[in-house]
All heavy atoms as atom14 arrays in JSON, in Angstrom:
{
  "sequence": "STLNIEKARATYGIQRAALLPTLSASAKESAARTPADLSTTG",
  "atom14_mask": [
    [1, 1, 1, 1, 1, 1, 0, 0, 0, 0, 0, 0, 0, 0],
    [1, 1, 1, 1, 1, 1, 1, 0, 0, 0, 0, 0, 0, 0],
    [1, 1, 1, 1, 1, 1, 1, 1, 0, 0, 0, 0, 0, 0],
    [1, 1, 1, 1, 1, 1, 1, 1, 0, 0, 0, 0, 0, 0],
    [1, 1, 1, 1, 1, 1, 1, 1, 0, 0, 0, 0, 0, 0],
    [1, 1, 1, 1, 1, 1, 1, 1, 1, 0, 0, 0, 0, 0],
    [1, 1, 1, 1, 1, 1, 1, 1, 1, 0, 0, 0, 0, 0],
    [1, 1, 1, 1, 1, 0, 0, 0, 0, 0, 0, 0, 0, 0],
    [1, 1, 1, 1, 1, 1, 1, 1, 1, 1, 1, 0, 0, 0],
    [1, 1, 1, 1, 1, 0, 0, 0, 0, 0, 0, 0, 0, 0],
    [1, 1, 1, 1, 1, 1, 1, 0, 0, 0, 0, 0, 0, 0],
    [1, 1, 1, 1, 1, 1, 1, 1, 1, 1, 1, 1, 0, 0],
    [1, 1, 1, 1, 0, 0, 0, 0, 0, 0, 0, 0, 0, 0],
    [1, 1, 1, 1, 1, 1, 1, 1, 0, 0, 0, 0, 0, 0],
    [1, 1, 1, 1, 1, 1, 1, 1, 1, 0, 0, 0, 0, 0],
    [1, 1, 1, 1, 1, 1, 1, 1, 1, 1, 1, 0, 0, 0],
    [1, 1, 1, 1, 1, 0, 0, 0, 0, 0, 0, 0, 0, 0],
    [1, 1, 1, 1, 1, 0, 0, 0, 0, 0, 0, 0, 0, 0],
    [1, 1, 1, 1, 1, 1, 1, 1, 0, 0, 0, 0, 0, 0],
    [1, 1, 1, 1, 1, 1, 1, 1, 0, 0, 0, 0, 0, 0],
    [1, 1, 1, 1, 1, 1, 1, 0, 0, 0, 0, 0, 0, 0],
    [1, 1, 1, 1, 1, 1, 1, 0, 0, 0, 0, 0, 0, 0],
    [1, 1, 1, 1, 1, 1, 1, 1, 0, 0, 0, 0, 0, 0],
    [1, 1, 1, 1, 1, 1, 0, 0, 0, 0, 0, 0, 0, 0],
    [1, 1, 1, 1, 1, 0, 0, 0, 0, 0, 0, 0, 0, 0],
    [1, 1, 1, 1, 1, 1, 0, 0, 0, 0, 0, 0, 0, 0],
    [1, 1, 1, 1, 1, 0, 0, 0, 0, 0, 0, 0, 0, 0],
    [1, 1, 1, 1, 1, 1, 1, 1, 1, 0, 0, 0, 0, 0],
    [1, 1, 1, 1, 1, 1, 1, 1, 1, 0, 0, 0, 0, 0],
    [1, 1, 1, 1, 1, 1, 0, 0, 0, 0, 0, 0, 0, 0],
    [1, 1, 1, 1, 1, 0, 0, 0, 0, 0, 0, 0, 0, 0],
    [1, 1, 1, 1, 1, 0, 0, 0, 0, 0, 0, 0, 0, 0],
    [1, 1, 1, 1, 1, 1, 1, 1, 1, 1, 1, 0, 0, 0],
    [1, 1, 1, 1, 1, 1, 1, 0, 0, 0, 0, 0, 0, 0],
    [1, 1, 1, 1, 1, 1, 1, 0, 0, 0, 0, 0, 0, 0],
    [1, 1, 1, 1, 1, 0, 0, 0, 0, 0, 0, 0, 0, 0],
    [1, 1, 1, 1, 1, 1, 1, 1, 0, 0, 0, 0, 0, 0],
    [1, 1, 1, 1, 1, 1, 1, 1, 0, 0, 0, 0, 0, 0],
    [1, 1, 1, 1, 1, 1, 0, 0, 0, 0, 0, 0, 0, 0],
    [1, 1, 1, 1, 1, 1, 1, 0, 0, 0, 0, 0, 0, 0],
    [1, 1, 1, 1, 1, 1, 1, 0, 0, 0, 0, 0, 0, 0],
    [1, 1, 1, 1, 0, 0, 0, 0, 0, 0, 0, 0, 0, 0]
  ],
  "atom14_positions": [
    [[36.76, 184.18, 69.89], [38.11, 184.06, 70.33], [38.26, 183.01, 71.41], [39.24, 182.2, 71.38], [38.65, 185.42, 70.82], [38.64, 186.35, 69.81], [0.0, 0.0, 0.0], [0.0, 0.0, 0.0], [0.0, 0.0, 0.0], [0.0, 0.0, 0.0], [0.0, 0.0, 0.0], [0.0, 0.0, 0.0], [0.0, 0.0, 0.0], [0.0, 0.0, 0.0]],
    [[37.32, 182.95, 72.32], [37.38, 181.96, 73.4], [37.22, 180.55, 72.83], [37.93, 179.59, 73.23], [36.3, 182.24, 74.42], [36.46, 183.52, 74.98], [36.36, 181.25, 75.58], [0.0, 0.0, 0.0], [0.0, 0.0, 0.0], [0.0, 0.0, 0.0], [0.0, 0.0, 0.0], [0.0, 0.0, 0.0], [0.0, 0.0, 0.0], [0.0, 0.0, 0.0]],
    [[36.3, 180.41, 71.9], [36.1, 179.09, 71.25], [37.28, 178.68, 70.44], [37.6, 177.45, 70.37], [34.83, 179.1, 70.43], [33.48, 179.26, 71.15], [32.35, 179.46, 70.23], [33.27, 178.11, 72.09], [0.0, 0.0, 0.0], [0.0, 0.0, 0.0], [0.0, 0.0, 0.0], [0.0, 0.0, 0.0], [0.0, 0.0, 0.0], [0.0, 0.0, 0.0]],
    [[37.98, 179.62, 69.88], [39.21, 179.27, 69.1], [40.27, 178.72, 70.03], [41.05, 177.84, 69.62], [39.71, 180.52, 68.36], [38.95, 180.81, 67.12], [38.35, 179.94, 66.52], [38.94, 182.08, 66.7], [0.0, 0.0, 0.0], [0.0, 0.0, 0.0], [0.0, 0.0, 0.0], [0.0, 0.0, 0.0], [0.0, 0.0, 0.0], [0.0, 0.0, 0.0]],
    [[40.31, 179.19, 71.27], [41.24, 178.62, 72.24], [40.89, 177.18, 72.51], [41.8, 176.31, 72.53], [41.2, 179.44, 73.58], [41.78, 180.86, 73.37], [42.0, 178.72, 74.65], [41.69, 181.73, 74.56], [0.0, 0.0, 0.0], [0.0, 0.0, 0.0], [0.0, 0.0, 0.0], [0.0, 0.0, 0.0], [0.0, 0.0, 0.0], [0.0, 0.0, 0.0]],
    [[39.59, 176.88, 72.7], [39.21, 175.48, 72.92], [39.62, 174.6, 71.69], [40.05, 173.44, 71.9], [37.75, 175.41, 73.18], [37.25, 176.19, 74.43], [37.93, 175.78, 75.69], [38.14, 174.52, 75.85], [38.31, 176.6, 76.49], [0.0, 0.0, 0.0], [0.0, 0.0, 0.0], [0.0, 0.0, 0.0], [0.0, 0.0, 0.0], [0.0, 0.0, 0.0]],
    [[39.37, 175.12, 70.54], [39.73, 174.36, 69.34], [41.24, 174.11, 69.27], [41.66, 172.99, 68.96], [39.24, 175.12, 68.11], [39.59, 174.48, 66.79], [39.14, 175.36, 65.63], [39.48, 174.73, 64.31], [39.07, 175.58, 63.14], [0.0, 0.0, 0.0], [0.0, 0.0, 0.0], [0.0, 0.0, 0.0], [0.0, 0.0, 0.0], [0.0, 0.0, 0.0]],
    [[42.06, 175.13, 69.53], [43.49, 174.96, 69.46], [43.97, 174.05, 70.58], [44.93, 173.28, 70.38], [44.18, 176.3, 69.59], [0.0, 0.0, 0.0], [0.0, 0.0, 0.0], [0.0, 0.0, 0.0], [0.0, 0.0, 0.0], [0.0, 0.0, 0.0], [0.0, 0.0, 0.0], [0.0, 0.0, 0.0], [0.0, 0.0, 0.0], [0.0, 0.0, 0.0]],
    [[43.33, 174.08, 71.74], [43.7, 173.16, 72.85], [43.48, 171.73, 72.41], [44.3, 170.84, 72.68], [42.94, 173.54, 74.07], [43.31, 172.64, 75.26], [42.47, 172.89, 76.52], [42.75, 174.22, 77.08], [41.85, 175.16, 77.19], [40.63, 174.98, 76.77], [42.14, 176.3, 77.71], [0.0, 0.0, 0.0], [0.0, 0.0, 0.0], [0.0, 0.0, 0.0]],
    [[42.34, 171.45, 71.76], [42.02, 170.14, 71.33], [43.03, 169.66, 70.26], [43.46, 168.5, 70.26], [40.6, 170.02, 70.79], [0.0, 0.0, 0.0], [0.0, 0.0, 0.0], [0.0, 0.0, 0.0], [0.0, 0.0, 0.0], [0.0, 0.0, 0.0], [0.0, 0.0, 0.0], [0.0, 0.0, 0.0], [0.0, 0.0, 0.0], [0.0, 0.0, 0.0]],
    [[43.35, 170.61, 69.34], [44.33, 170.27, 68.3], [45.7, 169.9, 68.89], [46.37, 168.95, 68.48], [44.47, 171.4, 67.31], [43.21, 171.73, 66.76], [45.45, 171.08, 66.21], [0.0, 0.0, 0.0], [0.0, 0.0, 0.0], [0.0, 0.0, 0.0], [0.0, 0.0, 0.0], [0.0, 0.0, 0.0], [0.0, 0.0, 0.0], [0.0, 0.0, 0.0]],
    [[46.09, 170.65, 69.89], [47.37, 170.36, 70.59], [47.29, 169.03, 71.24], [48.27, 168.25, 71.29], [47.67, 171.44, 71.57], [48.83, 171.12, 72.5], [50.09, 170.78, 72.0], [48.67, 171.13, 73.9], [51.13, 170.48, 72.86], [49.67, 170.78, 74.75], [50.9, 170.5, 74.22], [51.97, 170.15, 75.05], [0.0, 0.0, 0.0], [0.0, 0.0, 0.0]],
    [[46.12, 168.68, 71.86], [46.0, 167.38, 72.53], [46.15, 166.26, 71.57], [46.75, 165.24, 71.92], [0.0, 0.0, 0.0], [0.0, 0.0, 0.0], [0.0, 0.0, 0.0], [0.0, 0.0, 0.0], [0.0, 0.0, 0.0], [0.0, 0.0, 0.0], [0.0, 0.0, 0.0], [0.0, 0.0, 0.0], [0.0, 0.0, 0.0], [0.0, 0.0, 0.0]],
    [[45.6, 166.4, 70.38], [45.72, 165.36, 69.36], [47.19, 165.21, 68.96], [47.7, 164.03, 68.84], [44.88, 165.68, 68.12], [43.37, 165.66, 68.48], [45.15, 164.74, 66.96], [42.45, 166.15, 67.39], [0.0, 0.0, 0.0], [0.0, 0.0, 0.0], [0.0, 0.0, 0.0], [0.0, 0.0, 0.0], [0.0, 0.0, 0.0], [0.0, 0.0, 0.0]],
    [[47.88, 166.29, 68.72], [49.26, 166.19, 68.29], [50.18, 165.67, 69.35], [51.11, 164.91, 69.09], [49.76, 167.61, 67.84], [51.06, 167.57, 67.08], [51.0, 166.75, 65.81], [50.21, 166.99, 64.96], [51.87, 165.72, 65.71], [0.0, 0.0, 0.0], [0.0, 0.0, 0.0], [0.0, 0.0, 0.0], [0.0, 0.0, 0.0], [0.0, 0.0, 0.0]],
    [[49.89, 166.05, 70.62], [50.7, 165.59, 71.74], [50.51, 164.09, 71.97], [51.43, 163.39, 72.36], [50.34, 166.34, 73.01], [51.17, 165.96, 74.24], [50.79, 166.81, 75.41], [49.35, 166.65, 75.72], [48.75, 167.26, 76.73], [49.45, 168.08, 77.5], [47.46, 167.08, 76.98], [0.0, 0.0, 0.0], [0.0, 0.0, 0.0], [0.0, 0.0, 0.0]],
    [[49.31, 163.54, 71.65], [49.02, 162.14, 71.81], [49.84, 161.29, 70.89], [50.08, 160.12, 71.19], [47.52, 161.87, 71.56], [0.0, 0.0, 0.0], [0.0, 0.0, 0.0], [0.0, 0.0, 0.0], [0.0, 0.0, 0.0], [0.0, 0.0, 0.0], [0.0, 0.0, 0.0], [0.0, 0.0, 0.0], [0.0, 0.0, 0.0], [0.0, 0.0, 0.0]],
    [[50.35, 161.87, 69.81], [51.19, 161.1, 68.84], [52.52, 160.74, 69.45], [53.2, 159.83, 68.88], [51.4, 161.92, 67.56], [0.0, 0.0, 0.0], [0.0, 0.0, 0.0], [0.0, 0.0, 0.0], [0.0, 0.0, 0.0], [0.0, 0.0, 0.0], [0.0, 0.0, 0.0], [0.0, 0.0, 0.0], [0.0, 0.0, 0.0], [0.0, 0.0, 0.0]],
    [[52.92, 161.36, 70.56], [54.13, 160.98, 71.21], [54.05, 159.66, 71.94], [55.12, 159.05, 72.27], [54.55, 162.07, 72.23], [54.95, 163.45, 71.62], [55.06, 164.48, 72.75], [56.26, 163.31, 70.88], [0.0, 0.0, 0.0], [0.0, 0.0, 0.0], [0.0, 0.0, 0.0], [0.0, 0.0, 0.0], [0.0, 0.0, 0.0], [0.0, 0.0, 0.0]],
    [[52.87, 159.19, 72.17], [52.62, 157.95, 72.89], [52.01, 156.9, 71.96], [51.28, 157.23, 71.02], [51.74, 158.15, 74.11], [52.21, 159.2, 75.13], [51.15, 159.43, 76.18], [53.5, 158.74, 75.79], [0.0, 0.0, 0.0], [0.0, 0.0, 0.0], [0.0, 0.0, 0.0], [0.0, 0.0, 0.0], [0.0, 0.0, 0.0], [0.0, 0.0, 0.0]],
    [[52.31, 155.63, 72.21], [51.69, 154.58, 71.34], [50.23, 154.5, 71.59], [49.72, 154.75, 72.68], [52.42, 153.3, 71.76], [52.91, 153.58, 73.19], [53.26, 155.04, 73.23], [0.0, 0.0, 0.0], [0.0, 0.0, 0.0], [0.0, 0.0, 0.0], [0.0, 0.0, 0.0], [0.0, 0.0, 0.0], [0.0, 0.0, 0.0], [0.0, 0.0, 0.0]],
    [[49.49, 154.12, 70.55], [48.05, 153.93, 70.61], [47.79, 152.43, 70.95], [48.19, 151.55, 70.16], [47.36, 154.32, 69.31], [47.63, 155.69, 69.0], [45.83, 154.08, 69.39], [0.0, 0.0, 0.0], [0.0, 0.0, 0.0], [0.0, 0.0, 0.0], [0.0, 0.0, 0.0], [0.0, 0.0, 0.0], [0.0, 0.0, 0.0], [0.0, 0.0, 0.0]],
    [[47.13, 152.18, 72.06], [46.86, 150.85, 72.51], [45.35, 150.59, 72.41], [44.54, 151.39, 72.93], [47.34, 150.66, 73.91], [47.25, 149.24, 74.51], [48.14, 148.28, 73.78], [47.63, 149.3, 76.01], [0.0, 0.0, 0.0], [0.0, 0.0, 0.0], [0.0, 0.0, 0.0], [0.0, 0.0, 0.0], [0.0, 0.0, 0.0], [0.0, 0.0, 0.0]],
    [[44.96, 149.49, 71.73], [43.54, 149.18, 71.58], [43.35, 147.68, 71.83], [44.21, 146.86, 71.6], [43.03, 149.56, 70.24], [43.71, 148.82, 69.22], [0.0, 0.0, 0.0], [0.0, 0.0, 0.0], [0.0, 0.0, 0.0], [0.0, 0.0, 0.0], [0.0, 0.0, 0.0], [0.0, 0.0, 0.0], [0.0, 0.0, 0.0], [0.0, 0.0, 0.0]],
    [[42.17, 147.36, 72.37], [41.77, 145.95, 72.56], [40.92, 145.47, 71.37], [40.16, 146.27, 70.79], [41.0, 145.79, 73.84], [0.0, 0.0, 0.0], [0.0, 0.0, 0.0], [0.0, 0.0, 0.0], [0.0, 0.0, 0.0], [0.0, 0.0, 0.0], [0.0, 0.0, 0.0], [0.0, 0.0, 0.0], [0.0, 0.0, 0.0], [0.0, 0.0, 0.0]],
    [[41.09, 144.25, 71.02], [40.32, 143.73, 69.91], [39.9, 142.26, 70.2], [40.51, 141.54, 70.96], [41.18, 143.7, 68.61], [42.29, 142.82, 68.76], [0.0, 0.0, 0.0], [0.0, 0.0, 0.0], [0.0, 0.0, 0.0], [0.0, 0.0, 0.0], [0.0, 0.0, 0.0], [0.0, 0.0, 0.0], [0.0, 0.0, 0.0], [0.0, 0.0, 0.0]],
    [[38.78, 141.94, 69.61], [38.26, 140.53, 69.69], [37.72, 140.25, 68.27], [37.08, 141.03, 67.64], [37.14, 140.41, 70.7], [0.0, 0.0, 0.0], [0.0, 0.0, 0.0], [0.0, 0.0, 0.0], [0.0, 0.0, 0.0], [0.0, 0.0, 0.0], [0.0, 0.0, 0.0], [0.0, 0.0, 0.0], [0.0, 0.0, 0.0], [0.0, 0.0, 0.0]],
    [[38.09, 139.09, 67.77], [37.71, 138.76, 66.38], [37.4, 137.28, 66.26], [37.81, 136.44, 67.02], [38.84, 139.15, 65.39], [40.12, 138.37, 65.64], [41.23, 138.85, 64.67], [42.52, 138.02, 64.9], [43.57, 138.43, 63.93], [0.0, 0.0, 0.0], [0.0, 0.0, 0.0], [0.0, 0.0, 0.0], [0.0, 0.0, 0.0], [0.0, 0.0, 0.0]],
    [[36.57, 137.08, 65.22], [36.26, 135.71, 64.88], [36.29, 135.61, 63.33], [35.91, 136.59, 62.66], [34.85, 135.3, 65.31], [34.38, 133.96, 64.77], [32.88, 133.73, 64.9], [32.16, 134.65, 65.4], [32.42, 132.64, 64.56], [0.0, 0.0, 0.0], [0.0, 0.0, 0.0], [0.0, 0.0, 0.0], [0.0, 0.0, 0.0], [0.0, 0.0, 0.0]],
    [[36.83, 134.51, 62.81], [36.83, 134.33, 61.35], [36.35, 132.91, 61.05], [36.65, 131.98, 61.77], [38.2, 134.55, 60.79], [39.11, 133.56, 61.26], [0.0, 0.0, 0.0], [0.0, 0.0, 0.0], [0.0, 0.0, 0.0], [0.0, 0.0, 0.0], [0.0, 0.0, 0.0], [0.0, 0.0, 0.0], [0.0, 0.0, 0.0], [0.0, 0.0, 0.0]],
    [[35.54, 132.77, 60.01], [35.03, 131.48, 59.61], [35.08, 131.37, 58.09], [34.81, 132.36, 57.43], [33.62, 131.26, 60.12], [0.0, 0.0, 0.0], [0.0, 0.0, 0.0], [0.0, 0.0, 0.0], [0.0, 0.0, 0.0], [0.0, 0.0, 0.0], [0.0, 0.0, 0.0], [0.0, 0.0, 0.0], [0.0, 0.0, 0.0], [0.0, 0.0, 0.0]],
    [[35.41, 130.17, 57.56], [35.53, 130.02, 56.09], [35.09, 128.58, 55.76], [35.41, 127.61, 56.46], [36.97, 130.28, 55.62], [0.0, 0.0, 0.0], [0.0, 0.0, 0.0], [0.0, 0.0, 0.0], [0.0, 0.0, 0.0], [0.0, 0.0, 0.0], [0.0, 0.0, 0.0], [0.0, 0.0, 0.0], [0.0, 0.0, 0.0], [0.0, 0.0, 0.0]],
    [[34.38, 128.44, 54.7], [33.94, 127.11, 54.2], [34.55, 126.89, 52.84], [34.44, 127.73, 51.94], [32.44, 127.08, 54.04], [31.87, 125.73, 53.56], [30.37, 125.8, 53.46], [29.84, 124.5, 53.02], [29.75, 124.04, 51.78], [30.19, 124.83, 50.75], [29.26, 122.83, 51.48], [0.0, 0.0, 0.0], [0.0, 0.0, 0.0], [0.0, 0.0, 0.0]],
    [[35.19, 125.73, 52.64], [35.83, 125.37, 51.36], [35.01, 124.24, 50.76], [34.86, 123.16, 51.36], [37.3, 124.93, 51.6], [37.99, 125.99, 52.26], [37.97, 124.64, 50.3], [0.0, 0.0, 0.0], [0.0, 0.0, 0.0], [0.0, 0.0, 0.0], [0.0, 0.0, 0.0], [0.0, 0.0, 0.0], [0.0, 0.0, 0.0], [0.0, 0.0, 0.0]],
    [[34.51, 124.36, 49.48], [33.77, 123.28, 48.85], [34.66, 122.06, 48.66], [35.87, 122.13, 48.63], [33.36, 123.89, 47.51], [33.43, 125.34, 47.72], [34.58, 125.55, 48.69], [0.0, 0.0, 0.0], [0.0, 0.0, 0.0], [0.0, 0.0, 0.0], [0.0, 0.0, 0.0], [0.0, 0.0, 0.0], [0.0, 0.0, 0.0], [0.0, 0.0, 0.0]],
    [[34.01, 120.94, 48.51], [34.72, 119.68, 48.34], [35.61, 119.64, 47.13], [36.7, 119.08, 47.17], [33.72, 118.52, 48.3], [0.0, 0.0, 0.0], [0.0, 0.0, 0.0], [0.0, 0.0, 0.0], [0.0, 0.0, 0.0], [0.0, 0.0, 0.0], [0.0, 0.0, 0.0], [0.0, 0.0, 0.0], [0.0, 0.0, 0.0], [0.0, 0.0, 0.0]],
    [[35.11, 120.27, 45.99], [35.92, 120.16, 44.8], [37.1, 121.07, 44.85], [37.98, 121.0, 43.95], [35.03, 120.47, 43.57], [34.42, 121.84, 43.72], [34.44, 122.42, 44.79], [33.87, 122.35, 42.65], [0.0, 0.0, 0.0], [0.0, 0.0, 0.0], [0.0, 0.0, 0.0], [0.0, 0.0, 0.0], [0.0, 0.0, 0.0], [0.0, 0.0, 0.0]],
    [[37.18, 121.95, 45.82], [38.39, 122.79, 45.97], [39.25, 122.35, 47.16], [40.35, 122.82, 47.32], [37.98, 124.26, 46.17], [37.26, 124.91, 45.04], [36.9, 126.35, 45.4], [38.14, 124.92, 43.78], [0.0, 0.0, 0.0], [0.0, 0.0, 0.0], [0.0, 0.0, 0.0], [0.0, 0.0, 0.0], [0.0, 0.0, 0.0], [0.0, 0.0, 0.0]],
    [[38.74, 121.44, 47.92], [39.47, 120.98, 49.09], [40.5, 119.97, 48.71], [40.35, 119.16, 47.8], [38.52, 120.36, 50.12], [39.2, 119.76, 51.16], [0.0, 0.0, 0.0], [0.0, 0.0, 0.0], [0.0, 0.0, 0.0], [0.0, 0.0, 0.0], [0.0, 0.0, 0.0], [0.0, 0.0, 0.0], [0.0, 0.0, 0.0], [0.0, 0.0, 0.0]],
    [[41.64, 120.03, 49.43], [42.71, 119.08, 49.14], [42.37, 117.69, 49.6], [42.96, 116.69, 49.15], [44.01, 119.53, 49.85], [43.73, 119.65, 51.23], [44.5, 120.87, 49.28], [0.0, 0.0, 0.0], [0.0, 0.0, 0.0], [0.0, 0.0, 0.0], [0.0, 0.0, 0.0], [0.0, 0.0, 0.0], [0.0, 0.0, 0.0], [0.0, 0.0, 0.0]],
    [[41.4, 117.55, 50.44], [41.0, 116.22, 50.94], [39.79, 115.69, 50.2], [39.36, 114.55, 50.46], [40.66, 116.33, 52.42], [39.57, 117.22, 52.63], [41.84, 116.81, 53.22], [0.0, 0.0, 0.0], [0.0, 0.0, 0.0], [0.0, 0.0, 0.0], [0.0, 0.0, 0.0], [0.0, 0.0, 0.0], [0.0, 0.0, 0.0], [0.0, 0.0, 0.0]],
    [[39.2, 116.52, 49.35], [38.01, 116.07, 48.64], [36.73, 116.13, 49.45], [35.69, 115.61, 49.03], [0.0, 0.0, 0.0], [0.0, 0.0, 0.0], [0.0, 0.0, 0.0], [0.0, 0.0, 0.0], [0.0, 0.0, 0.0], [0.0, 0.0, 0.0], [0.0, 0.0, 0.0], [0.0, 0.0, 0.0], [0.0, 0.0, 0.0], [0.0, 0.0, 0.0]]
  ]
}
């Protein structure tokens, strides 16, 4: 019964968090190579 309280408290915390926006930091890199026969410049 005590552990069920902890579980319900965590569930409530998850649902309450939906009232606020989720903010995350990101860092990304992208790289692409295009062959000569497909390139517009040749």
